[in-house]
Protein backbone atom coordinates (compact mmCIF):
# COMPACT_ATOMS: atom_id res chain seq x y z
CA MET A 1 19.96 -45.07 -22.98
CA TYR A 2 18.78 -42.99 -19.92
CA ARG A 3 20.96 -44.83 -17.34
CA PHE A 4 22.72 -41.27 -16.78
CA LEU A 5 19.49 -40.17 -14.91
CA MET A 6 20.73 -42.20 -12.07
CA SER A 7 23.76 -40.11 -11.93
CA ARG A 8 24.52 -37.95 -8.99
CA GLN A 9 24.34 -34.70 -11.09
CA TRP A 10 20.98 -35.76 -12.53
CA VAL A 11 19.51 -36.70 -9.26
CA ILE A 12 20.15 -33.44 -7.92
CA LEU A 13 18.77 -31.70 -10.94
CA THR A 14 15.69 -33.75 -10.55
CA LEU A 15 15.37 -32.89 -7.06
CA ILE A 16 15.67 -29.20 -7.61
CA ALA A 17 13.16 -29.39 -10.36
CA LEU A 18 10.70 -31.32 -7.91
CA LEU A 19 11.18 -28.60 -5.47
CA LEU A 20 10.88 -25.62 -7.78
CA ILE A 21 7.41 -26.72 -9.34
CA PRO A 22 5.36 -26.60 -6.27
CA THR A 23 7.09 -23.44 -5.02
CA MET A 24 6.38 -21.65 -8.22
CA ILE A 25 2.71 -22.88 -8.10
CA ARG A 26 2.29 -21.43 -4.35
CA LEU A 27 3.77 -18.13 -5.40
CA GLY A 28 1.39 -17.91 -8.31
CA ILE A 29 -1.47 -18.71 -5.72
CA TRP A 30 -0.09 -16.04 -3.50
CA GLN A 31 -0.01 -13.43 -6.17
CA MET A 32 -3.56 -14.37 -7.13
CA HIS A 33 -4.55 -13.68 -3.70
CA ARG A 34 -2.84 -10.42 -3.63
CA TYR A 35 -4.69 -9.60 -7.00
CA GLU A 36 -8.07 -10.44 -5.46
CA GLU A 37 -7.27 -8.34 -2.13
CA ARG A 38 -6.17 -5.30 -4.29
CA THR A 39 -9.22 -5.49 -6.65
CA ALA A 40 -11.68 -5.87 -3.60
CA ARG A 41 -9.88 -2.59 -1.97
CA ASN A 42 -10.22 -0.66 -5.50
CA GLN A 43 -13.84 -1.62 -5.56
CA LEU A 44 -14.42 -0.28 -1.95
CA VAL A 45 -12.62 3.14 -3.14
CA THR A 46 -14.71 3.24 -6.05
CA ASP A 47 -17.83 2.56 -4.17
CA ALA A 48 -16.83 5.10 -1.31
CA LEU A 49 -16.23 8.05 -3.77
CA ALA A 50 -19.22 7.34 -5.95
CA ALA A 51 -21.41 7.23 -2.60
CA LYS A 52 -23.42 10.38 -1.70
CA PRO A 53 -22.42 12.78 1.08
CA VAL A 54 -23.94 12.01 4.43
CA PRO A 55 -23.51 13.88 7.56
CA VAL A 56 -20.43 12.69 9.53
CA GLU A 57 -22.28 11.17 12.40
CA LYS A 58 -24.15 8.74 10.42
CA LEU A 59 -20.70 6.83 10.08
CA THR A 60 -18.45 7.61 13.08
CA ALA A 61 -19.14 8.43 16.73
CA LEU A 62 -17.19 8.86 19.87
CA GLY A 63 -14.62 6.16 19.96
CA HIS A 64 -15.68 4.82 16.80
CA THR A 65 -13.17 2.91 14.61
CA VAL A 66 -13.67 3.69 11.08
CA THR A 67 -14.01 0.69 9.04
CA SER A 68 -12.78 -0.28 5.51
CA ALA A 69 -16.30 0.11 4.12
CA GLU A 70 -16.40 3.64 5.77
CA ARG A 71 -13.19 4.77 4.56
CA TYR A 72 -13.22 7.27 1.92
CA ARG A 73 -16.79 7.90 2.32
CA THR A 74 -17.73 11.55 1.73
CA VAL A 75 -19.22 13.25 4.99
CA THR A 76 -20.45 16.67 5.74
CA ALA A 77 -20.17 18.67 9.11
CA THR A 78 -21.30 22.03 10.32
CA GLY A 79 -19.59 23.93 12.91
CA ARG A 80 -16.45 26.09 13.37
CA PHE A 81 -12.68 25.66 13.24
CA ASP A 82 -10.68 25.71 16.35
CA THR A 83 -7.39 27.44 15.35
CA GLU A 84 -5.97 27.66 18.93
CA ASP A 85 -5.68 24.08 19.18
CA GLU A 86 -4.49 23.39 15.45
CA VAL A 87 -1.43 21.25 15.06
CA VAL A 88 0.73 20.06 12.12
CA VAL A 89 1.49 16.46 11.32
CA ARG A 90 5.20 16.10 10.46
CA ARG A 91 6.98 14.51 7.36
CA ARG A 92 4.10 14.43 4.91
CA THR A 93 4.40 14.71 1.18
CA ASN A 94 2.51 16.44 -1.55
CA SER A 95 1.49 15.29 -5.04
CA ASP A 96 4.93 16.23 -6.09
CA ASP A 97 6.64 14.10 -3.24
CA GLU A 98 7.85 17.65 -1.71
CA VAL A 99 8.10 17.07 2.22
CA GLY A 100 6.12 19.30 4.36
CA TYR A 101 3.30 19.03 7.06
CA HIS A 102 -0.46 18.32 7.12
CA VAL A 103 -2.44 20.80 8.89
CA LEU A 104 -4.87 19.30 11.36
CA THR A 105 -7.61 21.52 13.00
CA PRO A 106 -10.12 20.65 15.50
CA PHE A 107 -13.90 21.19 14.06
CA VAL A 108 -16.15 21.97 16.86
CA LEU A 109 -19.79 20.62 15.76
CA ASP A 110 -23.09 22.56 17.12
CA ASP A 111 -23.47 19.83 19.72
CA GLY A 112 -19.87 20.34 21.25
CA LYS A 113 -18.24 17.27 19.69
CA VAL A 114 -15.22 17.75 17.71
CA LEU A 115 -14.36 16.36 14.45
CA LEU A 116 -10.54 16.37 13.36
CA VAL A 117 -10.18 17.94 9.99
CA ASN A 118 -6.86 17.33 7.79
CA ARG A 119 -7.05 20.93 5.94
CA GLY A 120 -4.33 19.63 3.61
CA TRP A 121 -0.64 20.17 2.95
CA ILE A 122 1.65 23.08 3.35
CA PRO A 123 5.54 23.34 2.69
CA SER A 124 8.10 23.42 5.59
CA ASP A 125 9.64 26.47 4.45
CA GLY A 126 10.07 27.66 7.99
CA PRO A 127 13.31 28.81 9.52
CA SER A 128 13.76 25.38 11.46
CA GLN A 129 11.77 22.19 11.74
CA THR A 130 11.36 23.29 15.60
CA THR A 131 9.30 26.46 14.47
CA PHE A 132 5.80 26.13 14.16
CA PRO A 133 5.18 26.91 10.45
CA LYS A 134 2.98 29.78 8.97
CA VAL A 135 -0.52 28.14 8.61
CA PRO A 136 -3.32 29.81 6.31
CA ALA A 137 -6.42 30.62 8.57
CA PRO A 138 -9.65 28.53 7.82
CA PRO A 139 -12.94 30.13 7.03
CA SER A 140 -14.14 31.99 10.34
CA GLY A 141 -17.62 31.44 11.92
CA GLU A 142 -19.92 28.72 11.29
CA VAL A 143 -19.03 26.79 8.05
CA THR A 144 -20.00 23.45 6.42
CA VAL A 145 -17.26 21.21 5.44
CA GLN A 146 -16.96 18.29 3.36
CA GLY A 147 -14.41 15.45 3.31
CA ARG A 148 -13.26 11.85 2.98
CA LEU A 149 -13.72 9.94 6.17
CA MET A 150 -10.41 8.15 7.26
CA PRO A 151 -9.57 5.92 10.23
CA SER A 152 -7.13 6.89 12.82
CA GLU A 153 -3.51 6.41 11.83
CA THR A 154 -1.36 3.89 13.99
CA THR A 155 2.30 2.92 13.63
CA ALA A 156 1.13 -0.55 12.92
CA ALA A 157 -0.95 0.50 9.92
CA SER A 158 1.23 3.29 8.46
CA GLY A 159 4.80 2.48 9.75
CA ILE A 160 5.24 5.84 10.71
CA LYS A 161 6.98 5.96 14.27
CA ASP A 162 5.00 7.89 16.83
CA LEU A 163 8.13 9.98 18.15
CA LYS A 164 7.82 11.66 21.33
CA GLY A 165 9.48 14.88 22.55
CA LEU A 166 8.42 16.84 19.42
CA PRO A 167 8.33 20.59 19.10
CA ASP A 168 4.99 22.21 20.43
CA ARG A 169 1.98 21.63 18.37
CA GLN A 170 3.55 18.94 15.96
CA ILE A 171 2.55 15.50 15.87
CA MET A 172 3.31 12.33 13.85
CA LEU A 173 0.27 10.57 13.49
CA ILE A 174 -3.40 11.58 13.36
CA ASN A 175 -5.13 9.55 16.04
CA SER A 176 -8.44 10.64 17.50
CA GLU A 177 -7.87 9.03 20.91
CA GLN A 178 -4.61 10.70 21.15
CA GLU A 179 -6.11 13.97 20.14
CA ALA A 180 -9.00 13.55 22.54
CA ARG A 181 -6.69 13.51 25.55
CA ARG A 182 -4.78 16.43 24.34
CA LEU A 183 -7.94 18.38 23.64
CA ASP A 184 -9.82 17.12 26.60
CA ALA A 185 -12.72 16.80 24.37
CA ARG A 186 -15.49 14.67 22.97
CA VAL A 187 -13.54 13.58 19.52
CA LEU A 188 -15.23 11.61 17.01
CA GLY A 189 -13.53 8.49 15.73
CA GLY A 190 -11.22 8.83 12.74
CA TYR A 191 -10.70 12.23 10.81
CA ILE A 192 -11.82 13.77 7.48
CA ALA A 193 -9.32 14.84 4.52
CA GLN A 194 -11.11 18.07 3.63
CA THR A 195 -12.34 18.31 0.21
CA ALA A 196 -14.51 21.49 0.36
CA PRO A 197 -14.54 24.22 0.77
CA GLU A 198 -11.30 25.07 -1.19
CA PRO A 199 -8.96 26.94 0.54
CA LYS A 200 -8.07 30.47 -0.87
CA GLY A 201 -4.75 30.57 -2.69
CA ASP A 202 -4.76 26.94 -2.84
CA ILE A 203 -2.81 26.60 0.57
CA PRO A 204 -3.28 24.27 2.39
CA GLU A 205 -3.17 22.14 -0.64
CA LEU A 206 -5.89 19.78 -0.47
CA LEU A 207 -5.26 16.13 -0.53
CA GLY A 208 -5.87 14.33 -3.89
CA ASN A 209 -8.33 11.45 -4.50
CA PRO A 210 -7.01 8.10 -3.09
CA GLY A 211 -4.99 6.11 -5.70
CA LYS A 212 -5.92 2.75 -6.77
CA GLU A 213 -3.69 -0.51 -6.42
CA ASP A 214 -2.02 -1.98 -9.43
CA ALA A 215 -4.04 -5.17 -9.03
CA ALA A 216 -3.27 -6.12 -12.66
CA LEU A 217 0.32 -6.63 -11.84
CA ASN A 218 -0.35 -9.23 -9.45
CA TYR A 219 -2.33 -11.07 -11.71
CA ALA A 220 0.31 -10.95 -14.35
CA TYR A 221 2.85 -12.07 -11.73
CA ALA A 222 0.59 -14.92 -10.94
CA ILE A 223 0.53 -16.07 -14.62
CA GLN A 224 4.16 -15.61 -14.76
CA TRP A 225 4.80 -17.99 -11.85
CA TRP A 226 2.61 -20.59 -13.22
CA LEU A 227 4.22 -20.58 -16.64
CA PHE A 228 7.55 -21.11 -14.90
CA ALA A 229 6.28 -24.09 -12.91
CA ALA A 230 5.05 -25.49 -16.46
CA ALA A 231 8.42 -24.78 -18.02
CA VAL A 232 10.36 -26.73 -15.37
CA PRO A 233 9.22 -30.22 -16.49
CA VAL A 234 9.47 -29.21 -20.08
CA GLY A 235 12.90 -28.06 -19.68
CA TRP A 236 13.90 -31.25 -17.71
CA VAL A 237 12.40 -33.32 -20.56
CA VAL A 238 14.33 -31.32 -23.15
CA LEU A 239 17.70 -31.35 -21.29
CA ALA A 240 17.18 -35.08 -20.66
CA ARG A 241 16.58 -35.78 -24.41
CA ARG A 242 19.44 -33.88 -25.44
CA GLU A 243 21.64 -35.54 -23.07
CA ALA A 244 20.57 -38.86 -24.45
CA ARG A 245 20.99 -37.91 -27.99
CA ASP A 246 24.66 -36.58 -27.33
CA ARG A 247 25.45 -39.73 -25.44
CA ALA A 248 24.32 -41.78 -28.43
CA GLN A 249 26.13 -40.01 -30.88
CA ALA A 250 29.20 -39.88 -28.66
CA ALA A 251 28.83 -43.83 -28.50
CA THR A 252 28.17 -44.18 -32.37
CA LYS A 253 31.44 -42.25 -32.98
CA GLU A 254 33.46 -44.57 -30.58
CA GLN A 255 32.01 -47.55 -32.32
CA ASP A 256 32.84 -46.23 -35.76
CA ALA A 257 36.34 -45.38 -34.66
CA SER A 258 36.92 -48.73 -33.12
CA GLU A 259 35.56 -50.34 -36.37
CA ALA A 260 38.02 -48.27 -38.47
CA GLU A 261 41.30 -49.33 -36.66
CA PRO A 262 43.36 -51.85 -38.77
CA ALA A 263 43.56 -55.28 -37.55
CA THR A 264 46.69 -56.28 -35.92
CA VAL A 265 48.62 -59.55 -36.35
C-alpha cells in the first residue's frame, strides 16, 4: 500500500522534509536568542533611565570606554561651553526623519578636562553642505549640564563611514579619541546627549529618549518557526495518506472495470 514511498519523487520529498525540520528548529532557537538579547538591552535602557543622575566623572574618565551598563545613564557636569571648537556631525536625523546635523560642543570642566556634549539636532538649511550652519549659542559662563552618557561612535558599531576631507568643522562620528587629538585636550571617554538645560526656542532640538527594541517580535518569530517545524511531519503524513488513499481508489476502480468487462469466447 505504501510502496510508492520508495519512488524517486517521494524519496526527494522525504529528504527535503528531514532537512527542513532541523533548519526551522535552529531558526527558532536563533530568534529566541535574539529575543533574550533584546529583552536584556531593553532592561539596561530602563534601568539606566531610572537611575539617579551622578557626576560624569563617576562613570567615565580619560581614555575610558563607556560600557553597555553605563550607556544612557544620566550624568551631570559643571563648566563652560567652548563654542570656538564646536563642530557639527553630518547626516543626522531628527524625530521626523529630517536630515540635518548634531551639534557637538566641547564642555570644559572646572579641572580643565573636556566633556563632549551633543547639544541636539539642527536642520541643514544653509546655502550649501560645505558651509558651516548657523548654530544657536549655548548658555554663556559657568553652567551645569545634564545628559545621557553615550559610548564613542565607531564605523564598526554604527555603520557610518568616517569620511575624510570634510568641510571645516564638520565630522561624521562622535569619537572622544579623535576629538582629543583635534582639540589637543584631555577629553573624557564617550560623550553625553544633553537633556538639560533646554535650549531657547527649542533649537538645537534635544535628542529624544532611546527607543526600545521590539523583542516580542522575535519571540513571535521563534514560535512561528517551531510551528512550521511541527507542521512538516504532519503535512508529510497527510500527503502520504492521501496518496495511499488515491492509489487504493484507483486500484479498486481498475478492478471493478476489469470484472465488468464481458467474457470473450
